[in-house]
PDB file of N, CA and C in Angstrom:
ATOM      1  N   UNK A   1     -35.736  -4.923 -13.870  1.00  0.00           N
ATOM      2  CA  UNK A   1     -35.258  -4.403 -15.117  1.00  0.00           C
ATOM      3  C   UNK A   1     -33.730  -4.534 -15.156  1.00  0.00           C
ATOM      4  N   UNK A   2     -33.202  -5.076 -16.222  1.00  0.00           N
ATOM      5  CA  UNK A   2     -31.755  -5.259 -16.337  1.00  0.00           C
ATOM      6  C   UNK A   2     -31.169  -4.195 -17.248  1.00  0.00           C
ATOM      7  N   UNK A   3     -29.928  -3.844 -16.962  1.00  0.00           N
ATOM      8  CA  UNK A   3     -29.237  -2.861 -17.790  1.00  0.00           C
ATOM      9  C   UNK A   3     -28.623  -3.556 -18.989  1.00  0.00           C
ATOM     10  N   UNK A   4     -28.590  -2.877 -20.100  1.00  0.00           N
ATOM     11  CA  UNK A   4     -27.915  -3.429 -21.265  1.00  0.00           C
ATOM     12  C   UNK A   4     -26.498  -2.886 -21.299  1.00  0.00           C
ATOM     13  N   UNK A   5     -25.616  -3.696 -21.751  1.00  0.00           N
ATOM     14  CA  UNK A   5     -24.215  -3.308 -21.802  1.00  0.00           C
ATOM     15  C   UNK A   5     -23.987  -2.404 -23.003  1.00  0.00           C
ATOM     16  N   UNK A   6     -23.342  -1.262 -22.779  1.00  0.00           N
ATOM     17  CA  UNK A   6     -23.143  -0.283 -23.846  1.00  0.00           C
ATOM     18  C   UNK A   6     -21.857  -0.501 -24.623  1.00  0.00           C
ATOM     19  N   UNK A   7     -20.907  -1.247 -24.043  1.00  0.00           N
ATOM     20  CA  UNK A   7     -19.643  -1.504 -24.729  1.00  0.00           C
ATOM     21  C   UNK A   7     -19.755  -2.850 -25.421  1.00  0.00           C
ATOM     22  N   UNK A   8     -19.369  -2.897 -26.679  1.00  0.00           N
ATOM     23  CA  UNK A   8     -19.442  -4.156 -27.403  1.00  0.00           C
ATOM     24  C   UNK A   8     -18.105  -4.872 -27.319  1.00  0.00           C
ATOM     25  N   UNK A   9     -18.181  -6.137 -26.977  1.00  0.00           N
ATOM     26  CA  UNK A   9     -16.988  -6.958 -26.950  1.00  0.00           C
ATOM     27  C   UNK A   9     -16.939  -7.778 -28.227  1.00  0.00           C
ATOM     28  N   UNK A  10     -15.754  -7.936 -28.737  1.00  0.00           N
ATOM     29  CA  UNK A  10     -15.575  -8.721 -29.951  1.00  0.00           C
ATOM     30  C   UNK A  10     -14.924 -10.048 -29.609  1.00  0.00           C
ATOM     31  N   UNK A  11     -15.028 -10.967 -30.526  1.00  0.00           N
ATOM     32  CA  UNK A  11     -14.461 -12.285 -30.312  1.00  0.00           C
ATOM     33  C   UNK A  11     -12.940 -12.166 -30.083  1.00  0.00           C
ATOM     34  N   UNK A  12     -12.451 -12.763 -29.039  1.00  0.00           N
ATOM     35  CA  UNK A  12     -11.023 -12.714 -28.728  1.00  0.00           C
ATOM     36  C   UNK A  12     -10.644 -11.606 -27.760  1.00  0.00           C
ATOM     37  N   UNK A  13     -11.567 -10.712 -27.427  1.00  0.00           N
ATOM     38  CA  UNK A  13     -11.269  -9.662 -26.455  1.00  0.00           C
ATOM     39  C   UNK A  13     -11.123 -10.262 -25.066  1.00  0.00           C
ATOM     40  N   UNK A  14     -10.243  -9.663 -24.287  1.00  0.00           N
ATOM     41  CA  UNK A  14     -10.055 -10.102 -22.920  1.00  0.00           C
ATOM     42  C   UNK A  14     -10.438  -8.977 -21.979  1.00  0.00           C
ATOM     43  N   UNK A  15     -10.995  -9.331 -20.855  1.00  0.00           N
ATOM     44  CA  UNK A  15     -11.362  -8.323 -19.866  1.00  0.00           C
ATOM     45  C   UNK A  15     -10.119  -7.913 -19.067  1.00  0.00           C
ATOM     46  N   UNK A  16     -10.073  -6.671 -18.626  1.00  0.00           N
ATOM     47  CA  UNK A  16      -8.912  -6.248 -17.823  1.00  0.00           C
ATOM     48  C   UNK A  16      -8.900  -6.944 -16.473  1.00  0.00           C
ATOM     49  N   UNK A  17      -7.716  -7.152 -15.978  1.00  0.00           N
ATOM     50  CA  UNK A  17      -7.543  -7.794 -14.682  1.00  0.00           C
ATOM     51  C   UNK A  17      -7.714  -6.746 -13.593  1.00  0.00           C
ATOM     52  N   UNK A  18      -8.747  -6.891 -12.794  1.00  0.00           N
ATOM     53  CA  UNK A  18      -9.005  -5.924 -11.732  1.00  0.00           C
ATOM     54  C   UNK A  18      -8.472  -6.376 -10.382  1.00  0.00           C
ATOM     55  N   UNK A  19      -7.822  -7.522 -10.342  1.00  0.00           N
ATOM     56  CA  UNK A  19      -7.289  -8.017  -9.080  1.00  0.00           C
ATOM     57  C   UNK A  19      -5.958  -7.347  -8.766  1.00  0.00           C
ATOM     58  N   UNK A  20      -5.863  -6.812  -7.554  1.00  0.00           N
ATOM     59  CA  UNK A  20      -4.610  -6.245  -7.084  1.00  0.00           C
ATOM     60  C   UNK A  20      -4.188  -7.013  -5.846  1.00  0.00           C
ATOM     61  N   UNK A  21      -2.888  -7.086  -5.611  1.00  0.00           N
ATOM     62  CA  UNK A  21      -2.450  -7.802  -4.402  1.00  0.00           C
ATOM     63  C   UNK A  21      -2.932  -7.065  -3.158  1.00  0.00           C
ATOM     64  N   UNK A  22      -3.288  -7.808  -2.135  1.00  0.00           N
ATOM     65  CA  UNK A  22      -3.723  -7.156  -0.911  1.00  0.00           C
ATOM     66  C   UNK A  22      -2.496  -6.601  -0.203  1.00  0.00           C
ATOM     67  N   UNK A  23      -2.623  -5.396   0.287  1.00  0.00           N
ATOM     68  CA  UNK A  23      -1.510  -4.712   0.941  1.00  0.00           C
ATOM     69  C   UNK A  23      -1.604  -4.900   2.448  1.00  0.00           C
ATOM     70  N   UNK A  24      -0.466  -4.954   3.077  1.00  0.00           N
ATOM     71  CA  UNK A  24      -0.398  -4.955   4.533  1.00  0.00           C
ATOM     72  C   UNK A  24       0.789  -4.092   4.931  1.00  0.00           C
ATOM     73  N   UNK A  25       0.711  -3.554   6.125  1.00  0.00           N
ATOM     74  CA  UNK A  25       1.740  -2.642   6.605  1.00  0.00           C
ATOM     75  C   UNK A  25       2.278  -3.166   7.930  1.00  0.00           C
ATOM     76  N   UNK A  26       3.591  -3.054   8.097  1.00  0.00           N
ATOM     77  CA  UNK A  26       4.236  -3.482   9.335  1.00  0.00           C
ATOM     78  C   UNK A  26       5.208  -2.398   9.788  1.00  0.00           C
ATOM     79  N   UNK A  27       5.581  -2.454  11.053  1.00  0.00           N
ATOM     80  CA  UNK A  27       6.601  -1.534  11.560  1.00  0.00           C
ATOM     81  C   UNK A  27       7.831  -2.336  11.911  1.00  0.00           C
ATOM     82  N   UNK A  28       8.980  -1.686  11.755  1.00  0.00           N
ATOM     83  CA  UNK A  28      10.248  -2.359  11.994  1.00  0.00           C
ATOM     84  C   UNK A  28      11.189  -1.389  12.696  1.00  0.00           C
ATOM     85  N   UNK A  29      11.898  -1.899  13.697  1.00  0.00           N
ATOM     86  CA  UNK A  29      12.850  -1.068  14.416  1.00  0.00           C
ATOM     87  C   UNK A  29      14.197  -1.125  13.713  1.00  0.00           C
ATOM     88  N   UNK A  30      14.835   0.027  13.566  1.00  0.00           N
ATOM     89  CA  UNK A  30      16.122   0.119  12.899  1.00  0.00           C
ATOM     90  C   UNK A  30      17.011   1.034  13.722  1.00  0.00           C
ATOM     91  N   UNK A  31      18.278   0.655  13.868  1.00  0.00           N
ATOM     92  CA  UNK A  31      19.204   1.482  14.641  1.00  0.00           C
ATOM     93  C   UNK A  31      20.180   2.147  13.688  1.00  0.00           C
ATOM     94  N   UNK A  32      20.220   3.483  13.726  1.00  0.00           N
ATOM     95  CA  UNK A  32      21.162   4.268  12.936  1.00  0.00           C
ATOM     96  C   UNK A  32      22.050   5.041  13.898  1.00  0.00           C
ATOM     97  N   UNK A  33      23.276   4.609  14.005  1.00  0.00           N
ATOM     98  CA  UNK A  33      24.178   5.242  14.960  1.00  0.00           C
ATOM     99  C   UNK A  33      23.661   5.009  16.369  1.00  0.00           C
ATOM    100  N   UNK A  34      23.370   6.098  17.071  1.00  0.00           N
ATOM    101  CA  UNK A  34      22.821   5.986  18.418  1.00  0.00           C
ATOM    102  C   UNK A  34      21.304   6.133  18.436  1.00  0.00           C
ATOM    103  N   UNK A  35      20.727   6.440  17.290  1.00  0.00           N
ATOM    104  CA  UNK A  35      19.285   6.668  17.213  1.00  0.00           C
ATOM    105  C   UNK A  35      18.538   5.391  16.856  1.00  0.00           C
ATOM    106  N   UNK A  36      17.342   5.268  17.394  1.00  0.00           N
ATOM    107  CA  UNK A  36      16.448   4.171  17.029  1.00  0.00           C
ATOM    108  C   UNK A  36      15.339   4.765  16.177  1.00  0.00           C
ATOM    109  N   UNK A  37      15.149   4.208  14.994  1.00  0.00           N
ATOM    110  CA  UNK A  37      14.149   4.677  14.039  1.00  0.00           C
ATOM    111  C   UNK A  37      13.119   3.573  13.840  1.00  0.00           C
ATOM    112  N   UNK A  38      11.847   3.950  13.772  1.00  0.00           N
ATOM    113  CA  UNK A  38      10.778   3.000  13.460  1.00  0.00           C
ATOM    114  C   UNK A  38      10.332   3.240  12.028  1.00  0.00           C
ATOM    115  N   UNK A  39      10.387   2.210  11.209  1.00  0.00           N
ATOM    116  CA  UNK A  39      10.003   2.310   9.801  1.00  0.00           C
ATOM    117  C   UNK A  39       8.656   1.633   9.592  1.00  0.00           C
ATOM    118  N   UNK A  40       7.823   2.233   8.734  1.00  0.00           N
ATOM    119  CA  UNK A  40       6.568   1.615   8.321  1.00  0.00           C
ATOM    120  C   UNK A  40       6.805   1.054   6.929  1.00  0.00           C
ATOM    121  N   UNK A  41       6.624  -0.261   6.776  1.00  0.00           N
ATOM    122  CA  UNK A  41       6.936  -0.957   5.525  1.00  0.00           C
ATOM    123  C   UNK A  41       5.651  -1.505   4.916  1.00  0.00           C
ATOM    124  N   UNK A  42       5.512  -1.273   3.617  1.00  0.00           N
ATOM    125  CA  UNK A  42       4.356  -1.778   2.878  1.00  0.00           C
ATOM    126  C   UNK A  42       4.726  -3.105   2.233  1.00  0.00           C
ATOM    127  N   UNK A  43       3.872  -4.089   2.395  1.00  0.00           N
ATOM    128  CA  UNK A  43       4.133  -5.386   1.776  1.00  0.00           C
ATOM    129  C   UNK A  43       3.016  -5.672   0.799  1.00  0.00           C
ATOM    130  N   UNK A  44       3.208  -6.234  -0.331  1.00  0.00           N
ATOM    131  CA  UNK A  44       4.352  -6.964  -0.850  1.00  0.00           C
ATOM    132  C   UNK A  44       5.359  -6.100  -1.603  1.00  0.00           C
ATOM    133  N   UNK A  45       5.168  -4.775  -1.685  1.00  0.00           N
ATOM    134  CA  UNK A  45       6.105  -3.942  -2.450  1.00  0.00           C
ATOM    135  C   UNK A  45       7.411  -3.685  -1.710  1.00  0.00           C
ATOM    136  N   UNK A  46       7.428  -3.921  -0.382  1.00  0.00           N
ATOM    137  CA  UNK A  46       8.607  -3.715   0.460  1.00  0.00           C
ATOM    138  C   UNK A  46       9.136  -2.288   0.403  1.00  0.00           C
ATOM    139  N   UNK A  47       8.242  -1.330   0.223  1.00  0.00           N
ATOM    140  CA  UNK A  47       8.654   0.068   0.211  1.00  0.00           C
ATOM    141  C   UNK A  47       8.470   0.660   1.603  1.00  0.00           C
ATOM    142  N   UNK A  48       9.338   1.596   1.946  1.00  0.00           N
ATOM    143  CA  UNK A  48       9.298   2.240   3.254  1.00  0.00           C
ATOM    144  C   UNK A  48       8.450   3.500   3.129  1.00  0.00           C
ATOM    145  N   UNK A  49       7.335   3.504   3.819  1.00  0.00           N
ATOM    146  CA  UNK A  49       6.370   4.589   3.717  1.00  0.00           C
ATOM    147  C   UNK A  49       6.742   5.751   4.628  1.00  0.00           C
ATOM    148  N   UNK A  50       7.220   5.461   5.814  1.00  0.00           N
ATOM    149  CA  UNK A  50       7.562   6.522   6.749  1.00  0.00           C
ATOM    150  C   UNK A  50       8.568   6.062   7.769  1.00  0.00           C
ATOM    151  N   UNK A  51       9.262   7.036   8.357  1.00  0.00           N
ATOM    152  CA  UNK A  51      10.218   6.772   9.427  1.00  0.00           C
ATOM    153  C   UNK A  51       9.888   7.690  10.602  1.00  0.00           C
ATOM    154  N   UNK A  52       9.848   7.109  11.794  1.00  0.00           N
ATOM    155  CA  UNK A  52       9.456   7.858  12.981  1.00  0.00           C
ATOM    156  C   UNK A  52      10.425   7.575  14.120  1.00  0.00           C
ATOM    157  N   UNK A  53      10.562   8.565  15.034  1.00  0.00           N
ATOM    158  CA  UNK A  53      11.384   8.387  16.216  1.00  0.00           C
ATOM    159  C   UNK A  53      10.621   7.649  17.304  1.00  0.00           C
ATOM    160  N   UNK A  54       9.281   7.771  17.297  1.00  0.00           N
ATOM    161  CA  UNK A  54       8.467   7.161  18.339  1.00  0.00           C
ATOM    162  C   UNK A  54       7.672   5.995  17.764  1.00  0.00           C
ATOM    163  N   UNK A  55       7.646   4.907  18.503  1.00  0.00           N
ATOM    164  CA  UNK A  55       6.930   3.706  18.069  1.00  0.00           C
ATOM    165  C   UNK A  55       5.429   3.968  17.954  1.00  0.00           C
ATOM    166  N   UNK A  56       4.890   4.814  18.811  1.00  0.00           N
ATOM    167  CA  UNK A  56       3.455   5.100  18.799  1.00  0.00           C
ATOM    168  C   UNK A  56       3.024   5.747  17.483  1.00  0.00           C
ATOM    169  N   UNK A  57       3.858   6.639  16.953  1.00  0.00           N
ATOM    170  CA  UNK A  57       3.531   7.296  15.683  1.00  0.00           C
ATOM    171  C   UNK A  57       3.507   6.289  14.532  1.00  0.00           C
ATOM    172  N   UNK A  58       4.490   5.411  14.513  1.00  0.00           N
ATOM    173  CA  UNK A  58       4.537   4.380  13.474  1.00  0.00           C
ATOM    174  C   UNK A  58       3.352   3.427  13.623  1.00  0.00           C
ATOM    175  N   UNK A  59       3.018   3.093  14.858  1.00  0.00           N
ATOM    176  CA  UNK A  59       1.900   2.176  15.105  1.00  0.00           C
ATOM    177  C   UNK A  59       0.572   2.777  14.640  1.00  0.00           C
ATOM    178  N   UNK A  60       0.400   4.089  14.830  1.00  0.00           N
ATOM    179  CA  UNK A  60      -0.828   4.752  14.375  1.00  0.00           C
ATOM    180  C   UNK A  60      -0.986   4.632  12.861  1.00  0.00           C
ATOM    181  N   UNK A  61       0.100   4.872  12.127  1.00  0.00           N
ATOM    182  CA  UNK A  61       0.046   4.779  10.670  1.00  0.00           C
ATOM    183  C   UNK A  61      -0.219   3.346  10.220  1.00  0.00           C
ATOM    184  N   UNK A  62       0.439   2.375  10.847  1.00  0.00           N
ATOM    185  CA  UNK A  62       0.244   0.961  10.498  1.00  0.00           C
ATOM    186  C   UNK A  62      -1.200   0.558  10.750  1.00  0.00           C
ATOM    187  N   UNK A  63      -1.720   0.932  11.902  1.00  0.00           N
ATOM    188  CA  UNK A  63      -3.093   0.559  12.258  1.00  0.00           C
ATOM    189  C   UNK A  63      -4.105   1.186  11.299  1.00  0.00           C
ATOM    190  N   UNK A  64      -3.920   2.469  10.964  1.00  0.00           N
ATOM    191  CA  UNK A  64      -4.841   3.158  10.058  1.00  0.00           C
ATOM    192  C   UNK A  64      -4.801   2.542   8.658  1.00  0.00           C
ATOM    193  N   UNK A  65      -3.597   2.317   8.129  1.00  0.00           N
ATOM    194  CA  UNK A  65      -3.477   1.790   6.768  1.00  0.00           C
ATOM    195  C   UNK A  65      -3.987   0.355   6.675  1.00  0.00           C
ATOM    196  N   UNK A  66      -3.751  -0.467   7.687  1.00  0.00           N
ATOM    197  CA  UNK A  66      -4.254  -1.838   7.658  1.00  0.00           C
ATOM    198  C   UNK A  66      -5.779  -1.880   7.758  1.00  0.00           C
ATOM    199  N   UNK A  67      -6.366  -0.900   8.431  1.00  0.00           N
ATOM    200  CA  UNK A  67      -7.820  -0.873   8.573  1.00  0.00           C
ATOM    201  C   UNK A  67      -8.500  -0.348   7.316  1.00  0.00           C
ATOM    202  N   UNK A  68      -8.016   0.771   6.774  1.00  0.00           N
ATOM    203  CA  UNK A  68      -8.710   1.448   5.676  1.00  0.00           C
ATOM    204  C   UNK A  68      -8.190   1.103   4.289  1.00  0.00           C
ATOM    205  N   UNK A  69      -6.943   0.626   4.176  1.00  0.00           N
ATOM    206  CA  UNK A  69      -6.349   0.242   2.877  1.00  0.00           C
ATOM    207  C   UNK A  69      -6.523   1.358   1.838  1.00  0.00           C
ATOM    208  N   UNK A  70      -6.062   2.547   2.175  1.00  0.00           N
ATOM    209  CA  UNK A  70      -6.253   3.740   1.363  1.00  0.00           C
ATOM    210  C   UNK A  70      -5.639   3.600  -0.025  1.00  0.00           C
ATOM    211  N   UNK A  71      -4.455   3.034  -0.126  1.00  0.00           N
ATOM    212  CA  UNK A  71      -3.727   2.988  -1.400  1.00  0.00           C
ATOM    213  C   UNK A  71      -3.918   1.683  -2.160  1.00  0.00           C
ATOM    214  N   UNK A  72      -4.754   0.779  -1.683  1.00  0.00           N
ATOM    215  CA  UNK A  72      -4.915  -0.526  -2.331  1.00  0.00           C
ATOM    216  C   UNK A  72      -5.439  -0.433  -3.770  1.00  0.00           C
ATOM    217  N   UNK A  73      -6.412   0.432  -4.094  1.00  0.00           N
ATOM    218  CA  UNK A  73      -6.859   0.508  -5.497  1.00  0.00           C
ATOM    219  C   UNK A  73      -5.757   0.961  -6.459  1.00  0.00           C
ATOM    220  N   UNK A  74      -4.760   1.686  -5.946  1.00  0.00           N
ATOM    221  CA  UNK A  74      -3.666   2.174  -6.792  1.00  0.00           C
ATOM    222  C   UNK A  74      -2.504   1.192  -6.850  1.00  0.00           C
ATOM    223  N   UNK A  75      -2.585   0.085  -6.139  1.00  0.00           N
ATOM    224  CA  UNK A  75      -1.495  -0.872  -6.118  1.00  0.00           C
ATOM    225  C   UNK A  75      -0.401  -0.504  -5.147  1.00  0.00           C
ATOM    226  N   UNK A  76      -0.680   0.351  -4.208  1.00  0.00           N
ATOM    227  CA  UNK A  76       0.301   0.766  -3.209  1.00  0.00           C
ATOM    228  C   UNK A  76       0.552   2.259  -3.258  1.00  0.00           C
ATOM    229  N   UNK A  77       1.344   2.711  -2.328  1.00  0.00           N
ATOM    230  CA  UNK A  77       1.683   4.134  -2.251  1.00  0.00           C
ATOM    231  C   UNK A  77       2.554   4.495  -3.450  1.00  0.00           C
ATOM    232  N   UNK A  78       2.293   5.638  -4.128  1.00  0.00           N
ATOM    233  CA  UNK A  78       3.115   6.035  -5.277  1.00  0.00           C
ATOM    234  C   UNK A  78       4.573   6.253  -4.883  1.00  0.00           C
ATOM    235  N   UNK A  79       5.470   6.036  -5.827  1.00  0.00           N
ATOM    236  CA  UNK A  79       6.908   6.099  -5.545  1.00  0.00           C
ATOM    237  C   UNK A  79       7.363   7.467  -5.042  1.00  0.00           C
ATOM    238  N   UNK A  80       6.741   8.540  -5.516  1.00  0.00           N
ATOM    239  CA  UNK A  80       7.209   9.860  -5.087  1.00  0.00           C
ATOM    240  C   UNK A  80       6.854  10.151  -3.628  1.00  0.00           C
ATOM    241  N   UNK A  81       6.022   9.316  -2.988  1.00  0.00           N
ATOM    242  CA  UNK A  81       5.708   9.486  -1.580  1.00  0.00           C
ATOM    243  C   UNK A  81       6.507   8.566  -0.674  1.00  0.00           C
ATOM    244  N   UNK A  82       7.302   7.656  -1.247  1.00  0.00           N
ATOM    245  CA  UNK A  82       8.113   6.748  -0.445  1.00  0.00           C
ATOM    246  C   UNK A  82       9.205   7.517   0.265  1.00  0.00           C
ATOM    247  N   UNK A  83       9.581   7.069   1.456  1.00  0.00           N
ATOM    248  CA  UNK A  83      10.731   7.629   2.158  1.00  0.00           C
ATOM    249  C   UNK A  83      12.011   7.045   1.598  1.00  0.00           C
ATOM    250  N   UNK A  84      12.035   5.729   1.437  1.00  0.00           N
ATOM    251  CA  UNK A  84      13.175   5.010   0.874  1.00  0.00           C
ATOM    252  C   UNK A  84      12.675   3.825   0.087  1.00  0.00           C
ATOM    253  N   UNK A  85      13.561   3.271  -0.753  1.00  0.00           N
ATOM    254  CA  UNK A  85      13.191   2.100  -1.551  1.00  0.00           C
ATOM    255  C   UNK A  85      13.656   0.850  -0.862  1.00  0.00           C
TER     256      UNK A  85
END
């Protein structure tokens, strides 16, 4: 049994684009003064998601986000959750 479509399309209508860019996360070492900071960067938006003093903490976040892609349906992490631009 097939379902019937309940929304009517008219001539010239276009379907919404459901394709979003695939996200990936990387960690990067940054030196501020005498401190070493590990940043988690989201690509392709190039936004900084988090900053950590320990590489292991940054690696955990990178590994989790690359595996589960939590923010991919939204097009990335929202701006109010970014650490830096």
